[in-house]
Structure formats: C-alpha cells, structure tokens
C-alpha atoms as a PDB file:
ATOM      1  CA  MET A   1     116.189  30.217 115.836  1.00  0.00           C
ATOM      2  CA  VAL A   2     117.001  30.284 112.114  1.00  0.00           C
ATOM      3  CA  GLN A   3     117.081  34.085 112.160  1.00  0.00           C
ATOM      4  CA  ASN A   4     119.466  34.047 115.133  1.00  0.00           C
ATOM      5  CA  ASN A   5     121.799  31.680 113.275  1.00  0.00           C
ATOM      6  CA  GLN A   6     121.766  33.902 110.197  1.00  0.00           C
ATOM      7  CA  THR A   7     122.479  36.984 112.299  1.00  0.00           C
ATOM      8  CA  TYR A   8     125.365  35.165 113.996  1.00  0.00           C
ATOM      9  CA  LYS A   9     126.835  34.125 110.639  1.00  0.00           C
ATOM     10  CA  ILE A  10     126.597  37.662 109.253  1.00  0.00           C
ATOM     11  CA  LEU A  11     128.262  39.126 112.356  1.00  0.00           C
ATOM     12  CA  ARG A  12     130.949  36.458 112.196  1.00  0.00           C
ATOM     13  CA  ILE A  13     131.712  37.269 108.559  1.00  0.00           C
ATOM     14  CA  LEU A  14     131.865  40.990 109.321  1.00  0.00           C
ATOM     15  CA  LYS A  15     134.152  40.360 112.269  1.00  0.00           C
ATOM     16  CA  ARG A  16     136.474  38.126 110.260  1.00  0.00           C
ATOM     17  CA  THR A  17     136.542  40.749 107.501  1.00  0.00           C
ATOM     18  CA  LEU A  18     137.722  43.354 110.006  1.00  0.00           C
ATOM     19  CA  TYR A  19     140.384  40.951 111.226  1.00  0.00           C
ATOM     20  CA  PHE A  20     141.505  40.290 107.659  1.00  0.00           C
ATOM     21  CA  PHE A  21     141.950  43.979 106.880  1.00  0.00           C
ATOM     22  CA  TYR A  22     143.928  44.357 110.103  1.00  0.00           C
ATOM     23  CA  TYR A  23     146.158  41.446 109.069  1.00  0.00           C
ATOM     24  CA  LEU A  24     146.558  43.052 105.660  1.00  0.00           C
ATOM     25  CA  LYS A  25     147.391  46.451 107.140  1.00  0.00           C
ATOM     26  CA  THR A  26     150.050  45.081 109.483  1.00  0.00           C
ATOM     27  CA  LEU A  27     151.459  42.537 107.023  1.00  0.00           C
ATOM     28  CA  ASP A  28     155.218  42.352 106.606  1.00  0.00           C
ATOM     29  CA  LYS A  29     155.024  42.002 102.828  1.00  0.00           C
ATOM     30  CA  LYS A  30     158.697  41.156 102.384  1.00  0.00           C
ATOM     31  CA  LYS A  31     158.427  38.294 104.871  1.00  0.00           C
ATOM     32  CA  TYR A  32     155.106  37.109 103.384  1.00  0.00           C
ATOM     33  CA  PHE A  33     156.478  36.795  99.855  1.00  0.00           C
ATOM     34  CA  SER A  34     159.677  35.186 101.117  1.00  0.00           C
ATOM     35  CA  LEU A  35     157.656  32.522 102.949  1.00  0.00           C
ATOM     36  CA  LEU A  36     155.407  32.189  99.924  1.00  0.00           C
ATOM     37  CA  ASP A  37     158.432  31.376  97.745  1.00  0.00           C
ATOM     38  CA  TYR A  38     159.716  28.873 100.280  1.00  0.00           C
ATOM     39  CA  SER A  39     156.408  27.027 100.772  1.00  0.00           C
ATOM     40  CA  SER A  40     155.663  26.935  97.039  1.00  0.00           C
ATOM     41  CA  GLN A  41     158.985  25.238  96.351  1.00  0.00           C
ATOM     42  CA  LYS A  42     158.697  22.884  99.307  1.00  0.00           C
ATOM     43  CA  ILE A  43     155.278  21.418  98.423  1.00  0.00           C
ATOM     44  CA  ASN A  44     155.476  22.014  94.661  1.00  0.00           C
ATOM     45  CA  ARG A  45     152.293  24.065  94.588  1.00  0.00           C
ATOM     46  CA  SER A  46     151.615  27.291  92.715  1.00  0.00           C
ATOM     47  CA  LYS A  47     151.986  30.574  94.579  1.00  0.00           C
ATOM     48  CA  THR A  48     148.515  31.614  93.439  1.00  0.00           C
ATOM     49  CA  ASP A  49     146.980  28.540  95.100  1.00  0.00           C
ATOM     50  CA  ILE A  50     148.849  29.240  98.328  1.00  0.00           C
ATOM     51  CA  VAL A  51     147.833  32.939  98.353  1.00  0.00           C
ATOM     52  CA  ILE A  52     144.180  31.964  97.877  1.00  0.00           C
ATOM     53  CA  ASP A  53     144.485  29.313 100.598  1.00  0.00           C
ATOM     54  CA  SER A  54     146.099  31.777 103.004  1.00  0.00           C
ATOM     55  CA  ILE A  55     143.235  34.235 102.482  1.00  0.00           C
ATOM     56  CA  TYR A  56     140.664  31.477 102.919  1.00  0.00           C
ATOM     57  CA  SER A  57     142.415  30.299 106.094  1.00  0.00           C
ATOM     58  CA  SER A  58     142.472  33.837 107.449  1.00  0.00           C
ATOM     59  CA  PHE A  59     138.679  34.037 107.209  1.00  0.00           C
ATOM     60  CA  TYR A  60     137.876  30.453 108.197  1.00  0.00           C
ATOM     61  CA  PHE A  61     140.430  29.848 110.975  1.00  0.00           C
ATOM     62  CA  ASN A  62     141.031  33.490 112.008  1.00  0.00           C
ATOM     63  CA  VAL A  63     144.794  33.337 111.502  1.00  0.00           C
ATOM     64  CA  SER A  64     146.958  36.129 110.170  1.00  0.00           C
ATOM     65  CA  LEU A  65     148.532  35.804 106.744  1.00  0.00           C
ATOM     66  CA  ILE A  66     151.899  35.219 108.418  1.00  0.00           C
ATOM     67  CA  ASP A  67     150.386  32.704 110.880  1.00  0.00           C
ATOM     68  CA  TYR A  68     149.447  30.640 107.834  1.00  0.00           C
ATOM     69  CA  PHE A  69     153.139  29.983 107.206  1.00  0.00           C
ATOM     70  CA  TYR A  70     154.277  29.831 110.843  1.00  0.00           C
ATOM     71  CA  PHE A  71     151.750  27.040 111.463  1.00  0.00           C
ATOM     72  CA  ARG A  72     152.604  25.388 108.133  1.00  0.00           C
ATOM     73  CA  PHE A  73     148.958  25.407 107.059  1.00  0.00           C
ATOM     74  CA  TYR A  74     150.100  24.642 103.537  1.00  0.00           C
ATOM     75  CA  GLU A  75     150.949  21.124 104.798  1.00  0.00           C
ATOM     76  CA  LEU A  76     147.924  20.575 107.076  1.00  0.00           C
ATOM     77  CA  ASP A  77     144.390  19.330 106.535  1.00  0.00           C
ATOM     78  CA  LYS A  78     141.314  21.021 107.981  1.00  0.00           C
ATOM     79  CA  LYS A  79     141.291  18.914 111.158  1.00  0.00           C
ATOM     80  CA  GLU A  80     144.872  19.799 112.006  1.00  0.00           C
ATOM     81  CA  ARG A  81     144.382  23.474 111.149  1.00  0.00           C
ATOM     82  CA  GLN A  82     141.541  23.709 113.650  1.00  0.00           C
ATOM     83  CA  LYS A  83     143.988  22.829 116.456  1.00  0.00           C
ATOM     84  CA  ARG A  84     146.078  25.971 115.850  1.00  0.00           C
ATOM     85  CA  ALA A  85     145.413  29.122 117.870  1.00  0.00           C
ATOM     86  CA  GLY A  86     146.180  32.025 115.559  1.00  0.00           C
ATOM     87  CA  THR A  87     146.428  35.756 116.137  1.00  0.00           C
ATOM     88  CA  GLY A  88     142.672  36.393 116.079  1.00  0.00           C
ATOM     89  CA  PHE A  89     141.832  33.549 118.434  1.00  0.00           C
ATOM     90  CA  MET A  90     144.557  34.580 120.877  1.00  0.00           C
ATOM     91  CA  TYR A  91     143.422  38.199 120.816  1.00  0.00           C
ATOM     92  CA  GLU A  92     139.891  37.168 121.824  1.00  0.00           C
ATOM     93  CA  TYR A  93     141.194  34.650 124.362  1.00  0.00           C
ATOM     94  CA  GLN A  94     143.425  37.260 125.993  1.00  0.00           C
ATOM     95  CA  LEU A  95     140.564  39.765 126.150  1.00  0.00           C
ATOM     96  CA  ARG A  96     138.674  37.278 128.323  1.00  0.00           C
ATOM     97  CA  MET A  97     141.543  35.876 130.352  1.00  0.00           C
ATOM     98  CA  ASN A  98     143.608  39.070 130.751  1.00  0.00           C
ATOM     99  CA  PRO A  99     141.235  42.063 130.506  1.00  0.00           C
ATOM    100  CA  LYS A 100     142.898  45.240 129.231  1.00  0.00           C
ATOM    101  CA  HIS A 101     142.386  47.152 132.483  1.00  0.00           C
ATOM    102  CA  LYS A 102     144.432  44.489 134.334  1.00  0.00           C
ATOM    103  CA  ARG A 103     147.348  44.201 131.919  1.00  0.00           C
ATOM    104  CA  GLU A 104     149.580  46.959 133.280  1.00  0.00           C
ATOM    105  CA  MET A 105     151.283  44.563 135.654  1.00  0.00           C
ATOM    106  CA  LEU A 106     152.027  42.125 132.826  1.00  0.00           C
ATOM    107  CA  GLU A 107     153.174  44.738 130.334  1.00  0.00           C
ATOM    108  CA  ASN A 108     155.345  46.788 132.695  1.00  0.00           C
ATOM    109  CA  LYS A 109     158.365  44.849 133.981  1.00  0.00           C
ATOM    110  CA  ILE A 110     158.914  47.250 136.887  1.00  0.00           C
ATOM    111  CA  ALA A 111     155.319  46.934 138.094  1.00  0.00           C
ATOM    112  CA  PHE A 112     155.539  43.144 137.717  1.00  0.00           C
ATOM    113  CA  LEU A 113     158.783  42.842 139.697  1.00  0.00           C
ATOM    114  CA  LYS A 114     157.461  45.023 142.508  1.00  0.00           C
ATOM    115  CA  HIS A 115     154.153  43.164 142.777  1.00  0.00           C
ATOM    116  CA  TYR A 116     155.809  39.723 142.768  1.00  0.00           C
ATOM    117  CA  LYS A 117     158.877  40.790 144.740  1.00  0.00           C
ATOM    118  CA  PRO A 118     158.582  37.935 147.320  1.00  0.00           C
ATOM    119  CA  PHE A 119     159.082  35.443 144.471  1.00  0.00           C
ATOM    120  CA  VAL A 120     161.870  37.298 142.630  1.00  0.00           C
ATOM    121  CA  LYS A 121     165.280  35.943 143.580  1.00  0.00           C
ATOM    122  CA  ARG A 122     167.412  38.575 141.832  1.00  0.00           C
ATOM    123  CA  SER A 123     168.148  42.181 142.739  1.00  0.00           C
ATOM    124  CA  PHE A 124     166.722  44.962 140.606  1.00  0.00           C
ATOM    125  CA  ILE A 125     166.103  48.689 140.664  1.00  0.00           C
ATOM    126  CA  SER A 126     164.324  51.161 138.405  1.00  0.00           C
ATOM    127  CA  ILE A 127     166.135  54.201 137.101  1.00  0.00           C
ATOM    128  CA  ASP A 128     163.846  56.497 139.126  1.00  0.00           C
ATOM    129  CA  GLU A 129     164.591  54.629 142.376  1.00  0.00           C
ATOM    130  CA  SER A 130     168.306  54.565 141.591  1.00  0.00           C
ATOM    131  CA  LYS A 131     168.455  58.361 141.731  1.00  0.00           C
ATOM    132  CA  GLU A 132     167.352  58.200 145.367  1.00  0.00           C
ATOM    133  CA  ASN A 133     169.107  55.000 146.392  1.00  0.00           C
ATOM    134  CA  ARG A 134     172.667  55.007 145.079  1.00  0.00           C
ATOM    135  CA  GLY A 135     173.603  52.405 147.686  1.00  0.00           C
ATOM    136  CA  LYS A 136     171.401  49.776 146.043  1.00  0.00           C
ATOM    137  CA  VAL A 137     172.899  50.570 142.659  1.00  0.00           C
ATOM    138  CA  GLU A 138     176.385  50.077 144.100  1.00  0.00           C
ATOM    139  CA  SER A 139     175.338  46.744 145.629  1.00  0.00           C
ATOM    140  CA  LEU A 140     174.219  45.521 142.206  1.00  0.00           C
ATOM    141  CA  PHE A 141     177.785  45.987 140.998  1.00  0.00           C
ATOM    142  CA  THR A 142     179.030  43.415 143.511  1.00  0.00           C
ATOM    143  CA  ASN A 143     176.846  40.503 142.342  1.00  0.00           C
ATOM    144  CA  ILE A 144     178.739  37.249 141.736  1.00  0.00           C
ATOM    145  CA  SER A 145     178.152  37.158 137.974  1.00  0.00           C
ATOM    146  CA  GLY A 146     180.040  40.389 137.289  1.00  0.00           C
ATOM    147  CA  LYS A 147     177.245  41.351 134.901  1.00  0.00           C
ATOM    148  CA  LEU A 148     174.092  43.468 134.865  1.00  0.00           C
ATOM    149  CA  VAL A 149     171.062  43.354 132.587  1.00  0.00           C
ATOM    150  CA  LEU A 150     169.638  46.634 131.316  1.00  0.00           C
ATOM    151  CA  LYS A 151     166.029  46.667 130.123  1.00  0.00           C
ATOM    152  CA  ALA A 152     163.271  48.924 128.917  1.00  0.00           C
ATOM    153  CA  SER A 153     160.348  48.133 131.202  1.00  0.00           C
ATOM    154  CA  ARG A 154     157.894  47.954 128.311  1.00  0.00           C
ATOM    155  CA  GLY A 155     160.168  46.219 125.824  1.00  0.00           C
ATOM    156  CA  GLN A 156     158.771  43.161 124.079  1.00  0.00           C
ATOM    157  CA  VAL A 157     160.110  39.942 122.473  1.00  0.00           C
ATOM    158  CA  GLY A 158     163.578  40.440 123.925  1.00  0.00           C
ATOM    159  CA  ALA A 159     164.093  43.814 122.291  1.00  0.00           C
ATOM    160  CA  GLU A 160     165.597  46.645 124.329  1.00  0.00           C
ATOM    161  CA  VAL A 161     167.739  44.353 126.491  1.00  0.00           C
ATOM    162  CA  GLU A 162     171.503  44.651 126.966  1.00  0.00           C
ATOM    163  CA  VAL A 163     173.931  42.667 129.122  1.00  0.00           C
ATOM    164  CA  ILE A 164     176.937  44.619 130.405  1.00  0.00           C
ATOM    165  CA  GLN A 165     180.070  43.850 132.418  1.00  0.00           C
ATOM    166  CA  THR A 166     180.162  45.591 135.802  1.00  0.00           C
ATOM    167  CA  ASP A 167     183.860  46.428 135.480  1.00  0.00           C
ATOM    168  CA  VAL A 168     183.140  48.635 132.466  1.00  0.00           C
ATOM    169  CA  PHE A 169     180.928  51.110 134.359  1.00  0.00           C
ATOM    170  CA  ILE A 170     180.671  53.002 137.599  1.00  0.00           C
ATOM    171  CA  SER A 171     177.203  53.763 138.947  1.00  0.00           C
ATOM    172  CA  ASP A 172     177.102  57.390 137.759  1.00  0.00           C
ATOM    173  CA  ASN A 173     178.188  56.459 134.237  1.00  0.00           C
ATOM    174  CA  LEU A 174     175.715  53.571 134.184  1.00  0.00           C
ATOM    175  CA  LEU A 175     172.732  55.814 134.913  1.00  0.00           C
ATOM    176  CA  LYS A 176     173.772  58.240 132.195  1.00  0.00           C
ATOM    177  CA  TYR A 177     174.217  55.345 129.777  1.00  0.00           C
ATOM    178  CA  MET A 178     170.762  53.985 130.626  1.00  0.00           C
ATOM    179  CA  GLN A 179     169.139  57.357 130.039  1.00  0.00           C
ATOM    180  CA  THR A 180     170.922  57.713 126.714  1.00  0.00           C
ATOM    181  CA  LYS A 181     169.846  54.238 125.549  1.00  0.00           C
ATOM    182  CA  GLY A 182     166.279  54.436 126.888  1.00  0.00           C
ATOM    183  CA  PHE A 183     166.670  51.785 129.608  1.00  0.00           C
ATOM    184  CA  ASP A 184     164.734  52.304 132.846  1.00  0.00           C
ATOM    185  CA  LEU A 185     165.412  49.035 134.679  1.00  0.00           C
ATOM    186  CA  VAL A 186     168.632  47.324 135.781  1.00  0.00           C
ATOM    187  CA  GLU A 187     168.748  43.770 137.129  1.00  0.00           C
ATOM    188  CA  GLU A 188     171.308  41.424 138.572  1.00  0.00           C
ATOM    189  CA  TYR A 189     172.432  38.924 135.924  1.00  0.00           C
ATOM    190  CA  VAL A 190     171.064  35.464 136.709  1.00  0.00           C
ATOM    191  CA  VAL A 191     173.647  32.672 136.837  1.00  0.00           C
ATOM    192  CA  GLN A 192     171.862  29.612 135.490  1.00  0.00           C
ATOM    193  CA  HIS A 193     172.190  25.955 136.431  1.00  0.00           C
ATOM    194  CA  PRO A 194     175.338  24.206 135.085  1.00  0.00           C
ATOM    195  CA  ASP A 195     173.215  21.904 132.899  1.00  0.00           C
ATOM    196  CA  MET A 196     171.530  24.931 131.343  1.00  0.00           C
ATOM    197  CA  MET A 197     174.966  26.455 130.755  1.00  0.00           C
ATOM    198  CA  ALA A 198     176.052  23.249 129.042  1.00  0.00           C
ATOM    199  CA  LEU A 199     172.974  23.426 126.833  1.00  0.00           C
ATOM    200  CA  SER A 200     173.574  27.049 125.828  1.00  0.00           C
ATOM    201  CA  PRO A 201     175.797  29.561 127.657  1.00  0.00           C
ATOM    202  CA  SER A 202     175.113  32.601 125.442  1.00  0.00           C
ATOM    203  CA  GLY A 203     172.046  33.714 127.398  1.00  0.00           C
ATOM    204  CA  LEU A 204     169.554  32.743 130.071  1.00  0.00           C
ATOM    205  CA  ASN A 205     167.487  29.729 128.983  1.00  0.00           C
ATOM    206  CA  THR A 206     164.030  29.732 130.558  1.00  0.00           C
ATOM    207  CA  VAL A 207     161.029  27.474 131.053  1.00  0.00           C
ATOM    208  CA  ARG A 208     157.656  28.985 130.236  1.00  0.00           C
ATOM    209  CA  ILE A 209     154.612  27.328 131.819  1.00  0.00           C
ATOM    210  CA  PHE A 210     151.183  28.091 130.314  1.00  0.00           C
ATOM    211  CA  THR A 211     148.316  28.246 132.780  1.00  0.00           C
ATOM    212  CA  GLN A 212     144.803  29.579 133.028  1.00  0.00           C
ATOM    213  CA  LEU A 213     142.379  30.073 135.891  1.00  0.00           C
ATOM    214  CA  HIS A 214     139.149  28.087 135.569  1.00  0.00           C
ATOM    215  CA  ASN A 215     136.524  27.739 138.303  1.00  0.00           C
ATOM    216  CA  GLY A 216     139.060  28.798 140.898  1.00  0.00           C
ATOM    217  CA  GLN A 217     141.602  26.203 139.792  1.00  0.00           C
ATOM    218  CA  VAL A 218     144.868  26.586 137.894  1.00  0.00           C
ATOM    219  CA  ASP A 219     144.878  24.541 134.681  1.00  0.00           C
ATOM    220  CA  LEU A 220     148.307  23.582 133.333  1.00  0.00           C
ATOM    221  CA  LEU A 221     148.043  23.908 129.560  1.00  0.00           C
ATOM    222  CA  GLY A 222     151.634  23.095 128.661  1.00  0.00           C
ATOM    223  CA  ALA A 223     155.255  24.131 128.983  1.00  0.00           C
ATOM    224  CA  ARG A 224     158.264  24.764 126.790  1.00  0.00           C
ATOM    225  CA  LEU A 225     161.970  25.331 127.131  1.00  0.00           C
ATOM    226  CA  ARG A 226     163.245  28.480 125.419  1.00  0.00           C
ATOM    227  CA  ILE A 227     166.815  27.943 124.271  1.00  0.00           C
ATOM    228  CA  THR A 228     169.277  30.655 123.298  1.00  0.00           C
ATOM    229  CA  VAL A 229     171.330  30.315 120.119  1.00  0.00           C
ATOM    230  CA  ASN A 230     174.272  32.742 120.237  1.00  0.00           C
ATOM    231  CA  SER A 231     171.897  35.294 121.766  1.00  0.00           C
ATOM    232  CA  PRO A 232     171.703  37.076 125.167  1.00  0.00           C
ATOM    233  CA  VAL A 233     167.870  36.720 125.105  1.00  0.00           C
ATOM    234  CA  ASP A 234     165.782  33.582 124.603  1.00  0.00           C
ATOM    235  CA  ASN A 235     162.893  34.908 122.517  1.00  0.00           C
ATOM    236  CA  MET A 236     162.009  33.018 119.339  1.00  0.00           C
ATOM    237  CA  ALA A 237     161.614  36.350 117.540  1.00  0.00           C
ATOM    238  CA  ALA A 238     165.341  36.883 118.121  1.00  0.00           C
ATOM    239  CA  GLY A 239     166.162  33.680 116.247  1.00  0.00           C
ATOM    240  CA  ASN A 240     166.164  31.228 119.154  1.00  0.00           C
ATOM    241  CA  LEU A 241     164.640  27.795 119.727  1.00  0.00           C
ATOM    242  CA  ALA A 242     161.690  26.526 121.738  1.00  0.00           C
ATOM    243  CA  ALA A 243     161.087  22.877 122.650  1.00  0.00           C
ATOM    244  CA  PRO A 244     158.042  21.220 124.278  1.00  0.00           C
ATOM    245  CA  ILE A 245     158.247  19.866 127.824  1.00  0.00           C
ATOM    246  CA  ASP A 246     156.272  16.935 129.208  1.00  0.00           C
ATOM    247  CA  PRO A 247     154.648  18.512 132.307  1.00  0.00           C
ATOM    248  CA  GLU A 248     154.488  15.113 134.035  1.00  0.00           C
ATOM    249  CA  THR A 249     158.205  14.322 133.787  1.00  0.00           C
ATOM    250  CA  GLY A 250     159.834  17.707 133.193  1.00  0.00           C
ATOM    251  CA  LYS A 251     161.687  16.264 130.193  1.00  0.00           C
ATOM    252  CA  VAL A 252     161.846  17.859 126.765  1.00  0.00           C
ATOM    253  CA  ASN A 253     159.814  15.558 124.532  1.00  0.00           C
ATOM    254  CA  GLY A 254     160.319  17.111 121.116  1.00  0.00           C
ATOM    255  CA  PRO A 255     162.877  18.948 118.992  1.00  0.00           C
ATOM    256  CA  GLY A 256     163.699  22.624 119.276  1.00  0.00           C
ATOM    257  CA  VAL A 257     161.920  24.671 116.619  1.00  0.00           C
ATOM    258  CA  TYR A 258     162.555  28.114 115.159  1.00  0.00           C
ATOM    259  CA  SER A 259     159.881  30.650 114.282  1.00  0.00           C
ATOM    260  CA  ASP A 260     161.697  30.832 110.939  1.00  0.00           C
ATOM    261  CA  ILE A 261     160.096  27.930 109.056  1.00  0.00           C
ATOM    262  CA  THR A 262     162.955  27.815 106.556  1.00  0.00           C
ATOM    263  CA  LYS A 263     165.196  26.429 109.319  1.00  0.00           C
ATOM    264  CA  SER A 264     165.125  22.764 110.248  1.00  0.00           C
ATOM    265  CA  ASP A 265     164.103  21.559 113.716  1.00  0.00           C
ATOM    266  CA  GLU A 266     166.996  20.796 116.062  1.00  0.00           C
ATOM    267  CA  THR A 267     167.343  17.611 118.142  1.00  0.00           C
ATOM    268  CA  VAL A 268     170.708  18.814 119.471  1.00  0.00           C
ATOM    269  CA  HIS A 269     171.841  22.374 120.100  1.00  0.00           C
ATOM    270  CA  PRO A 270     173.398  23.742 116.886  1.00  0.00           C
ATOM    271  CA  VAL A 271     176.315  25.371 118.731  1.00  0.00           C
ATOM    272  CA  THR A 272     177.060  23.253 121.830  1.00  0.00           C
ATOM    273  CA  GLY A 273     175.905  19.887 120.468  1.00  0.00           C
ATOM    274  CA  THR A 274     174.011  19.184 123.706  1.00  0.00           C
ATOM    275  CA  PRO A 275     170.940  16.950 123.127  1.00  0.00           C
ATOM    276  CA  ILE A 276     167.655  18.865 123.315  1.00  0.00           C
ATOM    277  CA  GLU A 277     165.210  15.970 123.244  1.00  0.00           C
ATOM    278  CA  GLY A 278     165.289  14.215 126.616  1.00  0.00           C
ATOM    279  CA  PHE A 279     166.880  17.223 128.388  1.00  0.00           C
END
C-alpha cells in the first residue's frame, strides 16, 4: 500500500511537471507580466513572491500561469483555491466527459447544426450546400432582421464571425466574399427578446447552461448570462461580460465580470445602464 502511494505521488509530480512545461510553452508572456504588475500593486506584495506562488499553484492546483491571475489566486487561501477548476483539471475532465473521438460534432458548427436541426430555430446553410441550392441562399436574404451572420465552422471564442447587412450583398457576391474571408457557414441573424435588446443591443446575448451526464441523468451544474459590450459576439475573450444565473429562479444573482481582471465587476451594463443583477 505504501509503495502504491509513493508510485502515485511520483506519477502525479511527473504529470504536473509536464503540465507546467506546457503552460510555460504556451504562456502569453506580455499578458503574464502585465497581470503580475497589476496584482503586485493591488495587494502590495512583491512580484517575486507572486511569481513563486504562481509556479507553486501551477503544480499544486494544476492551473496555468495565466489561470492564477484569472482566478485571483493571489487573493485566495488554499481552501478557496481548491474550488477553482483550472486548465489542467478541465482538460482531464473533458477527456472523460467528451472523449476526443466524439468531439467533431461540438467543434464543427456545421456538423452541430445538422445533427441538432430539429432544435435550431434559425435558417442556415454551408458554403458547399449553397453552391447547389441557390434558392435557400436567396431565402436567407429575406429574413426579418435584414442581417446575416457569417462564420468559420471551426472558429473559437467568437473569432471568425461577421454580421452583415443583406442589402449590401447579392447571393453571388456573398459567396465570393465568404470564400475570400474564409467563412464556410451563413446563418439567419437572430432577433433577440426586447428585454435582451434593452440590456445590450450590440450583439446576441446568450444563456449558457452547464450540464453533465451521470448515471443516465442530466446534472445541472450552473448557468450564466453572457452579455455583449459594444461587440457583435458575446464571448468573454472578446471583452464581454458574464454573470451567474440562479437555476431555480432564472434571475441573475451576481455582477457581470470580465476575463480582464483589471476591470471592475459591473452591476449595471456599462453602455445601456440596464441593471444586470436581478435581470
């Protein structure tokens, strides 16, 4: 039993070492040192101490060096740090919950839309299909919003997305434009609920619900409202907000937060002034 524990500890250290070198290899050094400056000034602690603590946290809690700042580890004790799911933890969790050989449908927007077509309430067409079905492309131009959304099917974090006005293009020009820009999917623009428009009209605000399958049941882990801030996409990586939702009431029960820790949390939308908490 003792030998098994020692073997486990050695393997764990080796594994965390591999993770650490991956974090180091992929580190955005400019962002790291910028966040280091910010956190050092905020808590009046030396940069050397914070660097050492970030390395320690990477090994002990399996978080990336940037996660350390995103989760504000420099302000948290050990108990609170253990509640955070960092890059390493999420990688291992996703390996179990979403095996690599089953991820194509989640990573490819076209495959996803086709598979879940009965639940998709907006029109869409891939660039390959559009070459054979010009009629469907034309019908997209008549949607009530007067807009279309162009996407790269494998784009991530809101990158490779563009919203266009339908009166600017004709179908032939649109397809050429998509090919030039690397877009392979066009969708009808979704007109959101008036209350969502009042909250933020710059882009589509969405609710993300986190679930997992366990013993044949769907566990609801949480939910959040993703709020656009002068942006056509709602991703936090694009500078937008996310606020927690109480799954029992459907009400936002906390402020909107940025991924940029140098920005303050928002209880009201910074542009429209609409209250976020209680929405």
